[in-house]
Amino acid sequence: MNVIERDLRDFEQFVMDSVDAKSEALALEDYVCLWRAQREQQDTTAAIQEGLDDLAAGRVRPAAEVMAELRRRLV
């Protein structure tokens, strides 16, 4: 299944779940906006969790060290 097919299936399920949860249907554009907002929130939550996992596993470096390395590379 390619990305477009997966997104269409996910969007269809989102709309069906939303319609079941509400007594009033929304315009298609409203569902698209809500779906995108939900996906953005999920992506943000996943990125934060990834950072916390890296921190817990010790896969981090102090910002000052990273900035010094960037300065050396860019000069």
PDB file of N, CA and C in Angstrom:
ATOM      1  N   MET A   1       0.851  -1.177   0.000  1.00  0.00           N
ATOM      2  CA  MET A   1       0.000   0.000   0.000  1.00  0.00           C
ATOM      3  C   MET A   1       0.895   1.240   0.000  1.00  0.00           C
ATOM      4  N   ASN A   2       0.624   2.152  -0.915  1.00  0.00           N
ATOM      5  CA  ASN A   2       1.449   3.355  -0.966  1.00  0.00           C
ATOM      6  C   ASN A   2       0.917   4.421   0.003  1.00  0.00           C
ATOM      7  N   VAL A   3       1.645   5.516   0.101  1.00  0.00           N
ATOM      8  CA  VAL A   3       1.327   6.564   1.064  1.00  0.00           C
ATOM      9  C   VAL A   3      -0.052   7.162   0.802  1.00  0.00           C
ATOM     10  N   ILE A   4      -0.386   7.398  -0.445  1.00  0.00           N
ATOM     11  CA  ILE A   4      -1.681   8.005  -0.769  1.00  0.00           C
ATOM     12  C   ILE A   4      -2.827   7.086  -0.360  1.00  0.00           C
ATOM     13  N   GLU A   5      -2.678   5.812  -0.658  1.00  0.00           N
ATOM     14  CA  GLU A   5      -3.726   4.856  -0.272  1.00  0.00           C
ATOM     15  C   GLU A   5      -3.879   4.786   1.248  1.00  0.00           C
ATOM     16  N   ARG A   6      -2.749   4.773   1.954  1.00  0.00           N
ATOM     17  CA  ARG A   6      -2.800   4.736   3.417  1.00  0.00           C
ATOM     18  C   ARG A   6      -3.449   5.994   3.979  1.00  0.00           C
ATOM     19  N   ASP A   7      -3.067   7.163   3.444  1.00  0.00           N
ATOM     20  CA  ASP A   7      -3.656   8.415   3.910  1.00  0.00           C
ATOM     21  C   ASP A   7      -5.153   8.459   3.639  1.00  0.00           C
ATOM     22  N   LEU A   8      -5.564   8.000   2.468  1.00  0.00           N
ATOM     23  CA  LEU A   8      -6.995   7.983   2.154  1.00  0.00           C
ATOM     24  C   LEU A   8      -7.756   7.065   3.099  1.00  0.00           C
ATOM     25  N   ARG A   9      -7.185   5.914   3.376  1.00  0.00           N
ATOM     26  CA  ARG A   9      -7.827   4.985   4.302  1.00  0.00           C
ATOM     27  C   ARG A   9      -7.899   5.587   5.709  1.00  0.00           C
ATOM     28  N   ASP A  10      -6.802   6.214   6.153  1.00  0.00           N
ATOM     29  CA  ASP A  10      -6.786   6.851   7.471  1.00  0.00           C
ATOM     30  C   ASP A  10      -7.802   7.989   7.543  1.00  0.00           C
ATOM     31  N   PHE A  11      -7.862   8.782   6.479  1.00  0.00           N
ATOM     32  CA  PHE A  11      -8.810   9.903   6.462  1.00  0.00           C
ATOM     33  C   PHE A  11     -10.251   9.387   6.485  1.00  0.00           C
ATOM     34  N   GLU A  12     -10.516   8.358   5.696  1.00  0.00           N
ATOM     35  CA  GLU A  12     -11.865   7.787   5.669  1.00  0.00           C
ATOM     36  C   GLU A  12     -12.257   7.290   7.057  1.00  0.00           C
ATOM     37  N   GLN A  13     -11.341   6.614   7.731  1.00  0.00           N
ATOM     38  CA  GLN A  13     -11.640   6.113   9.076  1.00  0.00           C
ATOM     39  C   GLN A  13     -11.857   7.265  10.044  1.00  0.00           C
ATOM     40  N   PHE A  14     -11.047   8.324   9.916  1.00  0.00           N
ATOM     41  CA  PHE A  14     -11.199   9.507  10.763  1.00  0.00           C
ATOM     42  C   PHE A  14     -12.590  10.115  10.580  1.00  0.00           C
ATOM     43  N   VAL A  15     -13.025  10.258   9.324  1.00  0.00           N
ATOM     44  CA  VAL A  15     -14.346  10.841   9.052  1.00  0.00           C
ATOM     45  C   VAL A  15     -15.444   9.951   9.617  1.00  0.00           C
ATOM     46  N   MET A  16     -15.337   8.655   9.403  1.00  0.00           N
ATOM     47  CA  MET A  16     -16.361   7.745   9.898  1.00  0.00           C
ATOM     48  C   MET A  16     -16.436   7.789  11.429  1.00  0.00           C
ATOM     49  N   ASP A  17     -15.305   7.812  12.083  1.00  0.00           N
ATOM     50  CA  ASP A  17     -15.287   7.906  13.543  1.00  0.00           C
ATOM     51  C   ASP A  17     -15.865   9.236  14.014  1.00  0.00           C
ATOM     52  N   SER A  18     -15.556  10.310  13.295  1.00  0.00           N
ATOM     53  CA  SER A  18     -16.055  11.639  13.658  1.00  0.00           C
ATOM     54  C   SER A  18     -17.564  11.735  13.468  1.00  0.00           C
ATOM     55  N   VAL A  19     -18.059  11.172  12.390  1.00  0.00           N
ATOM     56  CA  VAL A  19     -19.497  11.210  12.125  1.00  0.00           C
ATOM     57  C   VAL A  19     -20.238  10.417  13.202  1.00  0.00           C
ATOM     58  N   ASP A  20     -19.684   9.287  13.596  1.00  0.00           N
ATOM     59  CA  ASP A  20     -20.310   8.475  14.641  1.00  0.00           C
ATOM     60  C   ASP A  20     -20.361   9.226  15.971  1.00  0.00           C
ATOM     61  N   ALA A  21     -19.340  10.043  16.236  1.00  0.00           N
ATOM     62  CA  ALA A  21     -19.239  10.739  17.518  1.00  0.00           C
ATOM     63  C   ALA A  21     -20.061  12.021  17.564  1.00  0.00           C
ATOM     64  N   LYS A  22     -20.487  12.524  16.420  1.00  0.00           N
ATOM     65  CA  LYS A  22     -21.216  13.799  16.364  1.00  0.00           C
ATOM     66  C   LYS A  22     -22.593  13.570  15.779  1.00  0.00           C
ATOM     67  N   SER A  23     -23.519  14.394  16.216  1.00  0.00           N
ATOM     68  CA  SER A  23     -24.864  14.278  15.648  1.00  0.00           C
ATOM     69  C   SER A  23     -24.982  15.067  14.347  1.00  0.00           C
ATOM     70  N   GLU A  24     -24.050  15.964  14.125  1.00  0.00           N
ATOM     71  CA  GLU A  24     -24.103  16.818  12.939  1.00  0.00           C
ATOM     72  C   GLU A  24     -22.854  16.617  12.087  1.00  0.00           C
ATOM     73  N   ALA A  25     -23.041  16.326  10.816  1.00  0.00           N
ATOM     74  CA  ALA A  25     -21.909  16.157   9.902  1.00  0.00           C
ATOM     75  C   ALA A  25     -21.327  17.516   9.536  1.00  0.00           C
ATOM     76  N   LEU A  26     -20.037  17.527   9.278  1.00  0.00           N
ATOM     77  CA  LEU A  26     -19.341  18.752   8.885  1.00  0.00           C
ATOM     78  C   LEU A  26     -19.090  18.735   7.387  1.00  0.00           C
ATOM     79  N   ALA A  27     -18.650  19.878   6.874  1.00  0.00           N
ATOM     80  CA  ALA A  27     -18.250  19.972   5.472  1.00  0.00           C
ATOM     81  C   ALA A  27     -16.933  19.207   5.303  1.00  0.00           C
ATOM     82  N   LEU A  28     -16.693  18.689   4.110  1.00  0.00           N
ATOM     83  CA  LEU A  28     -15.480  17.928   3.827  1.00  0.00           C
ATOM     84  C   LEU A  28     -14.228  18.719   4.204  1.00  0.00           C
ATOM     85  N   GLU A  29     -14.201  19.989   3.878  1.00  0.00           N
ATOM     86  CA  GLU A  29     -13.040  20.830   4.191  1.00  0.00           C
ATOM     87  C   GLU A  29     -12.786  20.884   5.698  1.00  0.00           C
ATOM     88  N   ASP A  30     -13.863  20.904   6.492  1.00  0.00           N
ATOM     89  CA  ASP A  30     -13.705  20.913   7.947  1.00  0.00           C
ATOM     90  C   ASP A  30     -13.072  19.616   8.437  1.00  0.00           C
ATOM     91  N   TYR A  31     -13.493  18.485   7.865  1.00  0.00           N
ATOM     92  CA  TYR A  31     -12.889  17.205   8.235  1.00  0.00           C
ATOM     93  C   TYR A  31     -11.405  17.177   7.865  1.00  0.00           C
ATOM     94  N   VAL A  32     -11.061  17.717   6.712  1.00  0.00           N
ATOM     95  CA  VAL A  32      -9.653  17.755   6.291  1.00  0.00           C
ATOM     96  C   VAL A  32      -8.833  18.566   7.298  1.00  0.00           C
ATOM     97  N   CYS A  33      -9.336  19.718   7.693  1.00  0.00           N
ATOM     98  CA  CYS A  33      -8.620  20.562   8.664  1.00  0.00           C
ATOM     99  C   CYS A  33      -8.457  19.852  10.004  1.00  0.00           C
ATOM    100  N   LEU A  34      -9.505  19.208  10.482  1.00  0.00           N
ATOM    101  CA  LEU A  34      -9.441  18.486  11.751  1.00  0.00           C
ATOM    102  C   LEU A  34      -8.476  17.313  11.672  1.00  0.00           C
ATOM    103  N   TRP A  35      -8.501  16.601  10.555  1.00  0.00           N
ATOM    104  CA  TRP A  35      -7.620  15.452  10.367  1.00  0.00           C
ATOM    105  C   TRP A  35      -6.164  15.893  10.336  1.00  0.00           C
ATOM    106  N   ARG A  36      -5.884  16.963   9.610  1.00  0.00           N
ATOM    107  CA  ARG A  36      -4.510  17.481   9.555  1.00  0.00           C
ATOM    108  C   ARG A  36      -4.039  17.937  10.929  1.00  0.00           C
ATOM    109  N   ALA A  37      -4.910  18.600  11.676  1.00  0.00           N
ATOM    110  CA  ALA A  37      -4.546  19.055  13.015  1.00  0.00           C
ATOM    111  C   ALA A  37      -4.247  17.866  13.922  1.00  0.00           C
ATOM    112  N   GLN A  38      -5.055  16.820  13.826  1.00  0.00           N
ATOM    113  CA  GLN A  38      -4.833  15.625  14.630  1.00  0.00           C
ATOM    114  C   GLN A  38      -3.497  14.969  14.276  1.00  0.00           C
ATOM    115  N   ARG A  39      -3.205  14.860  12.985  1.00  0.00           N
ATOM    116  CA  ARG A  39      -1.940  14.260  12.547  1.00  0.00           C
ATOM    117  C   ARG A  39      -0.745  15.095  13.006  1.00  0.00           C
ATOM    118  N   GLU A  40      -0.872  16.412  12.938  1.00  0.00           N
ATOM    119  CA  GLU A  40       0.212  17.289  13.388  1.00  0.00           C
ATOM    120  C   GLU A  40       0.450  17.091  14.884  1.00  0.00           C
ATOM    121  N   GLN A  41      -0.624  16.991  15.646  1.00  0.00           N
ATOM    122  CA  GLN A  41      -0.497  16.767  17.084  1.00  0.00           C
ATOM    123  C   GLN A  41       0.169  15.418  17.355  1.00  0.00           C
ATOM    124  N   GLN A  42      -0.217  14.391  16.628  1.00  0.00           N
ATOM    125  CA  GLN A  42       0.394  13.070  16.796  1.00  0.00           C
ATOM    126  C   GLN A  42       1.874  13.098  16.436  1.00  0.00           C
ATOM    127  N   ASP A  43       2.227  13.786  15.352  1.00  0.00           N
ATOM    128  CA  ASP A  43       3.635  13.897  14.943  1.00  0.00           C
ATOM    129  C   ASP A  43       4.455  14.639  15.993  1.00  0.00           C
ATOM    130  N   THR A  44       3.887  15.717  16.539  1.00  0.00           N
ATOM    131  CA  THR A  44       4.577  16.494  17.562  1.00  0.00           C
ATOM    132  C   THR A  44       4.786  15.667  18.820  1.00  0.00           C
ATOM    133  N   THR A  45       3.751  14.954  19.228  1.00  0.00           N
ATOM    134  CA  THR A  45       3.856  14.100  20.411  1.00  0.00           C
ATOM    135  C   THR A  45       4.918  13.025  20.204  1.00  0.00           C
ATOM    136  N   ALA A  46       4.955  12.429  19.024  1.00  0.00           N
ATOM    137  CA  ALA A  46       5.954  11.396  18.725  1.00  0.00           C
ATOM    138  C   ALA A  46       7.372  11.984  18.757  1.00  0.00           C
ATOM    139  N   ALA A  47       7.546  13.183  18.229  1.00  0.00           N
ATOM    140  CA  ALA A  47       8.871  13.820  18.222  1.00  0.00           C
ATOM    141  C   ALA A  47       9.322  14.146  19.642  1.00  0.00           C
ATOM    142  N   ILE A  48       8.419  14.611  20.467  1.00  0.00           N
ATOM    143  CA  ILE A  48       8.757  14.898  21.863  1.00  0.00           C
ATOM    144  C   ILE A  48       9.150  13.615  22.578  1.00  0.00           C
ATOM    145  N   GLN A  49       8.377  12.540  22.357  1.00  0.00           N
ATOM    146  CA  GLN A  49       8.691  11.266  22.987  1.00  0.00           C
ATOM    147  C   GLN A  49      10.049  10.745  22.539  1.00  0.00           C
ATOM    148  N   GLU A  50      10.357  10.914  21.260  1.00  0.00           N
ATOM    149  CA  GLU A  50      11.663  10.495  20.746  1.00  0.00           C
ATOM    150  C   GLU A  50      12.781  11.251  21.462  1.00  0.00           C
ATOM    151  N   GLY A  51      12.601  12.548  21.663  1.00  0.00           N
ATOM    152  CA  GLY A  51      13.601  13.339  22.381  1.00  0.00           C
ATOM    153  C   GLY A  51      13.751  12.897  23.823  1.00  0.00           C
ATOM    154  N   LEU A  52      12.637  12.612  24.477  1.00  0.00           N
ATOM    155  CA  LEU A  52      12.699  12.133  25.858  1.00  0.00           C
ATOM    156  C   LEU A  52      13.379  10.771  25.946  1.00  0.00           C
ATOM    157  N   ASP A  53      13.103   9.907  24.975  1.00  0.00           N
ATOM    158  CA  ASP A  53      13.762   8.595  24.931  1.00  0.00           C
ATOM    159  C   ASP A  53      15.274   8.759  24.737  1.00  0.00           C
ATOM    160  N   ASP A  54      15.665   9.673  23.848  1.00  0.00           N
ATOM    161  CA  ASP A  54      17.096   9.943  23.635  1.00  0.00           C
ATOM    162  C   ASP A  54      17.739  10.453  24.917  1.00  0.00           C
ATOM    163  N   LEU A  55      17.059  11.331  25.608  1.00  0.00           N
ATOM    164  CA  LEU A  55      17.579  11.877  26.861  1.00  0.00           C
ATOM    165  C   LEU A  55      17.751  10.766  27.890  1.00  0.00           C
ATOM    166  N   ALA A  56      16.751   9.918  28.035  1.00  0.00           N
ATOM    167  CA  ALA A  56      16.808   8.826  29.009  1.00  0.00           C
ATOM    168  C   ALA A  56      17.917   7.827  28.674  1.00  0.00           C
ATOM    169  N   ALA A  57      18.187   7.639  27.385  1.00  0.00           N
ATOM    170  CA  ALA A  57      19.216   6.683  26.956  1.00  0.00           C
ATOM    171  C   ALA A  57      20.605   7.316  26.881  1.00  0.00           C
ATOM    172  N   GLY A  58      20.703   8.611  27.163  1.00  0.00           N
ATOM    173  CA  GLY A  58      21.998   9.276  27.134  1.00  0.00           C
ATOM    174  C   GLY A  58      22.483   9.632  25.741  1.00  0.00           C
ATOM    175  N   ARG A  59      21.565   9.698  24.785  1.00  0.00           N
ATOM    176  CA  ARG A  59      21.948  10.024  23.401  1.00  0.00           C
ATOM    177  C   ARG A  59      21.795  11.530  23.145  1.00  0.00           C
ATOM    178  N   VAL A  60      22.373  12.331  24.035  1.00  0.00           N
ATOM    179  CA  VAL A  60      22.288  13.788  23.902  1.00  0.00           C
ATOM    180  C   VAL A  60      23.662  14.396  24.158  1.00  0.00           C
ATOM    181  N   ARG A  61      23.826  15.632  23.683  1.00  0.00           N
ATOM    182  CA  ARG A  61      25.055  16.384  23.935  1.00  0.00           C
ATOM    183  C   ARG A  61      24.659  17.784  24.392  1.00  0.00           C
ATOM    184  N   PRO A  62      25.477  18.404  25.208  1.00  0.00           N
ATOM    185  CA  PRO A  62      25.184  19.777  25.641  1.00  0.00           C
ATOM    186  C   PRO A  62      25.124  20.721  24.435  1.00  0.00           C
ATOM    187  N   ALA A  63      24.213  21.677  24.482  1.00  0.00           N
ATOM    188  CA  ALA A  63      24.033  22.623  23.379  1.00  0.00           C
ATOM    189  C   ALA A  63      25.315  23.401  23.087  1.00  0.00           C
ATOM    190  N   ALA A  64      26.038  23.786  24.122  1.00  0.00           N
ATOM    191  CA  ALA A  64      27.276  24.546  23.923  1.00  0.00           C
ATOM    192  C   ALA A  64      28.283  23.735  23.103  1.00  0.00           C
ATOM    193  N   GLU A  65      28.350  22.436  23.351  1.00  0.00           N
ATOM    194  CA  GLU A  65      29.254  21.571  22.599  1.00  0.00           C
ATOM    195  C   GLU A  65      28.841  21.488  21.133  1.00  0.00           C
ATOM    196  N   VAL A  66      27.574  21.351  20.895  1.00  0.00           N
ATOM    197  CA  VAL A  66      27.064  21.272  19.517  1.00  0.00           C
ATOM    198  C   VAL A  66      27.313  22.584  18.789  1.00  0.00           C
ATOM    199  N   MET A  67      27.047  23.710  19.451  1.00  0.00           N
ATOM    200  CA  MET A  67      27.256  25.021  18.817  1.00  0.00           C
ATOM    201  C   MET A  67      28.728  25.246  18.489  1.00  0.00           C
ATOM    202  N   ALA A  68      29.625  24.842  19.389  1.00  0.00           N
ATOM    203  CA  ALA A  68      31.061  24.986  19.134  1.00  0.00           C
ATOM    204  C   ALA A  68      31.472  24.148  17.923  1.00  0.00           C
ATOM    205  N   GLU A  69      30.942  22.948  17.827  1.00  0.00           N
ATOM    206  CA  GLU A  69      31.250  22.095  16.676  1.00  0.00           C
ATOM    207  C   GLU A  69      30.731  22.721  15.379  1.00  0.00           C
ATOM    208  N   LEU A  70      29.536  23.267  15.410  1.00  0.00           N
ATOM    209  CA  LEU A  70      28.984  23.908  14.211  1.00  0.00           C
ATOM    210  C   LEU A  70      29.830  25.108  13.793  1.00  0.00           C
ATOM    211  N   ARG A  71      30.283  25.890  14.757  1.00  0.00           N
ATOM    212  CA  ARG A  71      31.129  27.050  14.442  1.00  0.00           C
ATOM    213  C   ARG A  71      32.421  26.608  13.771  1.00  0.00           C
ATOM    214  N   ARG A  72      33.020  25.542  14.299  1.00  0.00           N
ATOM    215  CA  ARG A  72      34.272  25.024  13.703  1.00  0.00           C
ATOM    216  C   ARG A  72      34.036  24.569  12.273  1.00  0.00           C
ATOM    217  N   ARG A  73      32.941  23.896  12.028  1.00  0.00           N
ATOM    218  CA  ARG A  73      32.651  23.369  10.689  1.00  0.00           C
ATOM    219  C   ARG A  73      32.314  24.470   9.699  1.00  0.00           C
ATOM    220  N   LEU A  74      31.691  25.542  10.150  1.00  0.00           N
ATOM    221  CA  LEU A  74      31.233  26.596   9.245  1.00  0.00           C
ATOM    222  C   LEU A  74      32.271  27.670   8.993  1.00  0.00           C
ATOM    223  N   VAL A  75      33.342  27.687   9.749  1.00  0.00           N
ATOM    224  CA  VAL A  75      34.362  28.723   9.578  1.00  0.00           C
ATOM    225  C   VAL A  75      35.447  28.262   8.672  1.00  0.00           C
TER     226      VAL A  75
END
